[in-house]
Amino acid sequence: MRSVEIELALANHLGYRRNLIVPNVFWGFDLKYEADLLVVTKNHYCWEIEIKVTISDLKAEKNKSYRAHCSNRIKRLYFAVPDAMATEAMGFIPERAGLFSVSEGGYVRALKPPKLNKSARALTQEEINKLYELSAMRIWSLKRALFQRSLSRITKSSEAKGEK
């Protein structure tokens, strides 16, 4: 299972029409690390979801010596893993983190609730606007990738037919 499949399953599960959900946030939001997925709820609290698709990724996470995933802007920290890793993942995620498991079909299960970060504050409207801006910027990269993929398919199809 790839991380993009987990992102899509989580976005559906958490309701991208109800919550602001932004992938790969680092630049522009002044975190000291990259957040795989940020979810901003209607009451302006932010959740972070760290996506891991291999046990070696999880082991590396446990060995990080700095205070990863710590911010006064993050109310809840979750990890999300493929179903096949869920049992083993419990031993590697931080104690304060919750855990989601995702099936091949995109079904999401909450296996462990997170401990709430009591020092977390609601995001300001300016911070929320910044996340909307970052999210909108991602559309253009996606459109470029889709366009290049379609060009590649057209070229391959033409070559297969012997056209130049």
C-alpha atoms as a PDB file:
ATOM      1  CA  MET A   1       0.000   0.000   0.000  1.00  0.00           C
ATOM      2  CA  ARG A   2       1.285   3.456  -0.888  1.00  0.00           C
ATOM      3  CA  SER A   3       1.014   6.568   1.252  1.00  0.00           C
ATOM      4  CA  VAL A   4      -1.235   8.285  -1.317  1.00  0.00           C
ATOM      5  CA  GLU A   5      -3.805   5.505  -0.848  1.00  0.00           C
ATOM      6  CA  ILE A   6      -3.743   6.092   2.901  1.00  0.00           C
ATOM      7  CA  GLU A   7      -4.068   9.863   2.393  1.00  0.00           C
ATOM      8  CA  LEU A   8      -7.141   9.394   0.198  1.00  0.00           C
ATOM      9  CA  ALA A   9      -8.753   6.947   2.631  1.00  0.00           C
ATOM     10  CA  LEU A  10      -8.135   9.314   5.566  1.00  0.00           C
ATOM     11  CA  ALA A  11      -9.480  12.329   3.641  1.00  0.00           C
ATOM     12  CA  ASN A  12     -12.679  10.403   2.913  1.00  0.00           C
ATOM     13  CA  HIS A  13     -12.945   9.067   6.457  1.00  0.00           C
ATOM     14  CA  LEU A  14     -12.322  12.427   8.152  1.00  0.00           C
ATOM     15  CA  GLY A  15     -14.532  14.360   5.749  1.00  0.00           C
ATOM     16  CA  TYR A  16     -12.685  16.738   3.443  1.00  0.00           C
ATOM     17  CA  ARG A  17     -15.975  18.630   3.002  1.00  0.00           C
ATOM     18  CA  ARG A  18     -16.237  19.211   6.784  1.00  0.00           C
ATOM     19  CA  ASN A  19     -12.572  19.682   7.655  1.00  0.00           C
ATOM     20  CA  LEU A  20      -9.626  21.330   5.948  1.00  0.00           C
ATOM     21  CA  ILE A  21      -7.215  18.482   5.119  1.00  0.00           C
ATOM     22  CA  VAL A  22      -3.800  19.377   3.694  1.00  0.00           C
ATOM     23  CA  PRO A  23      -1.034  16.908   2.795  1.00  0.00           C
ATOM     24  CA  ASN A  24       2.727  17.394   3.195  1.00  0.00           C
ATOM     25  CA  VAL A  25       2.884  20.613   5.179  1.00  0.00           C
ATOM     26  CA  PHE A  26       6.256  22.125   6.014  1.00  0.00           C
ATOM     27  CA  TRP A  27       7.120  25.082   3.860  1.00  0.00           C
ATOM     28  CA  GLY A  28       4.863  28.040   4.514  1.00  0.00           C
ATOM     29  CA  PHE A  29       3.534  26.893   7.883  1.00  0.00           C
ATOM     30  CA  ASP A  30       6.745  27.145   9.900  1.00  0.00           C
ATOM     31  CA  LEU A  31       6.820  23.647  11.356  1.00  0.00           C
ATOM     32  CA  LYS A  32      10.210  22.262  12.348  1.00  0.00           C
ATOM     33  CA  TYR A  33       9.346  19.059  10.465  1.00  0.00           C
ATOM     34  CA  GLU A  34       7.106  17.968   7.598  1.00  0.00           C
ATOM     35  CA  ALA A  35       3.599  16.901   8.576  1.00  0.00           C
ATOM     36  CA  ASP A  36       2.237  14.195   6.281  1.00  0.00           C
ATOM     37  CA  LEU A  37      -1.353  15.310   6.781  1.00  0.00           C
ATOM     38  CA  LEU A  38      -2.877  18.188   8.742  1.00  0.00           C
ATOM     39  CA  VAL A  39      -6.574  18.251   9.560  1.00  0.00           C
ATOM     40  CA  VAL A  40      -8.182  21.469  10.761  1.00  0.00           C
ATOM     41  CA  THR A  41     -11.541  20.913  12.436  1.00  0.00           C
ATOM     42  CA  LYS A  42     -14.484  23.317  12.444  1.00  0.00           C
ATOM     43  CA  ASN A  43     -13.435  24.589  15.890  1.00  0.00           C
ATOM     44  CA  HIS A  44     -10.003  25.476  14.397  1.00  0.00           C
ATOM     45  CA  TYR A  45      -7.993  22.797  16.193  1.00  0.00           C
ATOM     46  CA  CYS A  46      -5.342  21.012  14.205  1.00  0.00           C
ATOM     47  CA  TRP A  47      -4.615  17.289  14.089  1.00  0.00           C
ATOM     48  CA  GLU A  48      -1.498  15.790  12.580  1.00  0.00           C
ATOM     49  CA  ILE A  49      -1.415  12.379  10.933  1.00  0.00           C
ATOM     50  CA  GLU A  50       1.947  10.746  10.283  1.00  0.00           C
ATOM     51  CA  ILE A  51       1.697   8.090   7.563  1.00  0.00           C
ATOM     52  CA  LYS A  52       3.987   5.063   7.651  1.00  0.00           C
ATOM     53  CA  VAL A  53       3.888   2.281   5.062  1.00  0.00           C
ATOM     54  CA  THR A  54       6.804   0.111   6.249  1.00  0.00           C
ATOM     55  CA  ILE A  55       7.970  -1.210   9.576  1.00  0.00           C
ATOM     56  CA  SER A  56      11.430   0.255   8.925  1.00  0.00           C
ATOM     57  CA  ASP A  57       9.800   3.722   8.659  1.00  0.00           C
ATOM     58  CA  LEU A  58       8.137   3.120  12.020  1.00  0.00           C
ATOM     59  CA  LYS A  59      11.383   1.942  13.609  1.00  0.00           C
ATOM     60  CA  ALA A  60      13.165   5.056  12.360  1.00  0.00           C
ATOM     61  CA  GLU A  61      10.402   7.180  13.887  1.00  0.00           C
ATOM     62  CA  LYS A  62      10.918   5.615  17.298  1.00  0.00           C
ATOM     63  CA  ASN A  63      14.650   6.317  17.138  1.00  0.00           C
ATOM     64  CA  LYS A  64      14.329  10.032  16.386  1.00  0.00           C
ATOM     65  CA  SER A  65      16.212  11.910  19.068  1.00  0.00           C
ATOM     66  CA  TYR A  66      14.536  15.283  18.585  1.00  0.00           C
ATOM     67  CA  ARG A  67      11.030  16.129  19.707  1.00  0.00           C
ATOM     68  CA  ALA A  68       9.291  15.325  16.439  1.00  0.00           C
ATOM     69  CA  HIS A  69       5.627  16.113  16.026  1.00  0.00           C
ATOM     70  CA  CYS A  70       5.604  18.617  18.890  1.00  0.00           C
ATOM     71  CA  SER A  71       3.864  21.911  18.302  1.00  0.00           C
ATOM     72  CA  ASN A  72       1.454  24.049  20.262  1.00  0.00           C
ATOM     73  CA  ARG A  73      -0.652  24.073  17.087  1.00  0.00           C
ATOM     74  CA  ILE A  74      -1.240  20.288  17.095  1.00  0.00           C
ATOM     75  CA  LYS A  75      -4.080  19.129  19.368  1.00  0.00           C
ATOM     76  CA  ARG A  76      -4.018  15.439  18.343  1.00  0.00           C
ATOM     77  CA  LEU A  77      -1.261  13.319  16.828  1.00  0.00           C
ATOM     78  CA  TYR A  78      -2.129  10.146  14.956  1.00  0.00           C
ATOM     79  CA  PHE A  79      -0.161   7.602  12.991  1.00  0.00           C
ATOM     80  CA  ALA A  80      -1.783   5.820  10.063  1.00  0.00           C
ATOM     81  CA  VAL A  81      -0.545   2.484   8.748  1.00  0.00           C
ATOM     82  CA  PRO A  82      -1.758  -0.311   6.457  1.00  0.00           C
ATOM     83  CA  ASP A  83      -3.861  -2.956   8.236  1.00  0.00           C
ATOM     84  CA  ALA A  84      -1.092  -5.527   7.908  1.00  0.00           C
ATOM     85  CA  MET A  85       1.206  -3.377  10.084  1.00  0.00           C
ATOM     86  CA  ALA A  86      -1.314  -2.270  12.695  1.00  0.00           C
ATOM     87  CA  THR A  87      -0.474  -4.717  15.477  1.00  0.00           C
ATOM     88  CA  GLU A  88       3.279  -4.220  15.172  1.00  0.00           C
ATOM     89  CA  ALA A  89       2.867  -0.442  14.823  1.00  0.00           C
ATOM     90  CA  MET A  90       1.552  -0.144  18.394  1.00  0.00           C
ATOM     91  CA  GLY A  91       5.065  -0.830  19.686  1.00  0.00           C
ATOM     92  CA  PHE A  92       6.703   1.917  17.672  1.00  0.00           C
ATOM     93  CA  ILE A  93       4.424   4.954  17.805  1.00  0.00           C
ATOM     94  CA  PRO A  94       4.831   7.553  20.565  1.00  0.00           C
ATOM     95  CA  GLU A  95       2.705   6.920  23.654  1.00  0.00           C
ATOM     96  CA  ARG A  96       0.780  10.159  23.098  1.00  0.00           C
ATOM     97  CA  ALA A  97      -0.162   9.232  19.509  1.00  0.00           C
ATOM     98  CA  GLY A  98      -3.362   7.638  18.280  1.00  0.00           C
ATOM     99  CA  LEU A  99      -3.392   5.006  15.552  1.00  0.00           C
ATOM    100  CA  PHE A 100      -5.472   4.534  12.404  1.00  0.00           C
ATOM    101  CA  SER A 101      -5.247   1.421  10.267  1.00  0.00           C
ATOM    102  CA  VAL A 102      -6.252   1.470   6.605  1.00  0.00           C
ATOM    103  CA  SER A 103      -7.372  -1.544   4.573  1.00  0.00           C
ATOM    104  CA  GLU A 104      -6.611  -2.140   0.893  1.00  0.00           C
ATOM    105  CA  GLY A 105     -10.201  -1.136   0.148  1.00  0.00           C
ATOM    106  CA  GLY A 106      -9.755   2.231   1.886  1.00  0.00           C
ATOM    107  CA  TYR A 107     -11.627   1.396   5.081  1.00  0.00           C
ATOM    108  CA  VAL A 108     -10.203   3.318   8.076  1.00  0.00           C
ATOM    109  CA  ARG A 109     -10.335   2.052  11.655  1.00  0.00           C
ATOM    110  CA  ALA A 110      -9.318   4.062  14.712  1.00  0.00           C
ATOM    111  CA  LEU A 111      -7.370   1.570  16.834  1.00  0.00           C
ATOM    112  CA  LYS A 112      -6.033   3.857  19.542  1.00  0.00           C
ATOM    113  CA  PRO A 113      -7.118   7.340  20.627  1.00  0.00           C
ATOM    114  CA  PRO A 114      -4.420   9.989  21.058  1.00  0.00           C
ATOM    115  CA  LYS A 115      -3.667  11.849  24.235  1.00  0.00           C
ATOM    116  CA  LEU A 116      -4.772  15.439  23.754  1.00  0.00           C
ATOM    117  CA  ASN A 117      -2.090  18.095  23.731  1.00  0.00           C
ATOM    118  CA  LYS A 118      -3.480  20.343  26.472  1.00  0.00           C
ATOM    119  CA  SER A 119      -1.121  23.169  25.523  1.00  0.00           C
ATOM    120  CA  ALA A 120      -2.445  23.241  21.946  1.00  0.00           C
ATOM    121  CA  ARG A 121      -4.318  26.313  20.872  1.00  0.00           C
ATOM    122  CA  ALA A 122      -6.842  26.847  18.127  1.00  0.00           C
ATOM    123  CA  LEU A 123      -5.352  28.093  14.878  1.00  0.00           C
ATOM    124  CA  THR A 124      -5.758  31.743  14.039  1.00  0.00           C
ATOM    125  CA  GLN A 125      -7.721  32.704  10.943  1.00  0.00           C
ATOM    126  CA  GLU A 126      -4.422  33.807   9.380  1.00  0.00           C
ATOM    127  CA  GLU A 127      -2.935  30.326   9.929  1.00  0.00           C
ATOM    128  CA  ILE A 128      -6.032  28.663   8.487  1.00  0.00           C
ATOM    129  CA  ASN A 129      -5.871  30.956   5.466  1.00  0.00           C
ATOM    130  CA  LYS A 130      -2.229  29.967   4.976  1.00  0.00           C
ATOM    131  CA  LEU A 131      -3.208  26.276   4.956  1.00  0.00           C
ATOM    132  CA  TYR A 132      -5.957  26.999   2.399  1.00  0.00           C
ATOM    133  CA  GLU A 133      -3.349  28.793   0.293  1.00  0.00           C
ATOM    134  CA  LEU A 134      -0.891  25.882   0.529  1.00  0.00           C
ATOM    135  CA  SER A 135      -3.679  23.458  -0.335  1.00  0.00           C
ATOM    136  CA  ALA A 136      -4.695  25.480  -3.402  1.00  0.00           C
ATOM    137  CA  MET A 137      -1.075  25.625  -4.606  1.00  0.00           C
ATOM    138  CA  ARG A 138      -0.984  21.826  -4.658  1.00  0.00           C
ATOM    139  CA  ILE A 139      -3.722  21.737  -7.298  1.00  0.00           C
ATOM    140  CA  TRP A 140      -1.360  23.108  -9.939  1.00  0.00           C
ATOM    141  CA  SER A 141       1.335  20.520  -9.254  1.00  0.00           C
ATOM    142  CA  LEU A 142      -1.309  17.806  -9.470  1.00  0.00           C
ATOM    143  CA  LYS A 143      -2.717  19.166 -12.724  1.00  0.00           C
ATOM    144  CA  ARG A 144       0.810  19.340 -14.188  1.00  0.00           C
ATOM    145  CA  ALA A 145       1.495  15.725 -13.212  1.00  0.00           C
ATOM    146  CA  LEU A 146      -1.832  14.550 -14.653  1.00  0.00           C
ATOM    147  CA  PHE A 147      -1.194  16.447 -17.887  1.00  0.00           C
ATOM    148  CA  GLN A 148       2.308  15.000 -18.247  1.00  0.00           C
ATOM    149  CA  ARG A 149       0.945  11.510 -17.572  1.00  0.00           C
ATOM    150  CA  SER A 150      -1.712  11.951 -20.275  1.00  0.00           C
ATOM    151  CA  LEU A 151       0.940  13.183 -22.736  1.00  0.00           C
ATOM    152  CA  SER A 152       3.065  10.160 -21.927  1.00  0.00           C
ATOM    153  CA  ARG A 153       0.133   7.810 -22.598  1.00  0.00           C
ATOM    154  CA  ILE A 154      -0.644   9.541 -25.914  1.00  0.00           C
ATOM    155  CA  THR A 155       2.999   9.261 -26.975  1.00  0.00           C
ATOM    156  CA  LYS A 156       3.186   5.573 -26.007  1.00  0.00           C
ATOM    157  CA  SER A 157      -0.092   4.868 -27.809  1.00  0.00           C
ATOM    158  CA  SER A 158       1.164   6.611 -30.954  1.00  0.00           C
ATOM    159  CA  GLU A 159       4.469   4.717 -30.828  1.00  0.00           C
ATOM    160  CA  ALA A 160       2.626   1.403 -30.415  1.00  0.00           C
ATOM    161  CA  LYS A 161       0.598   2.166 -33.541  1.00  0.00           C
ATOM    162  CA  GLY A 162       3.774   3.039 -35.443  1.00  0.00           C
ATOM    163  CA  GLU A 163       2.906   6.731 -35.709  1.00  0.00           C
ATOM    164  CA  LYS A 164       5.473   9.472 -35.403  1.00  0.00           C
END
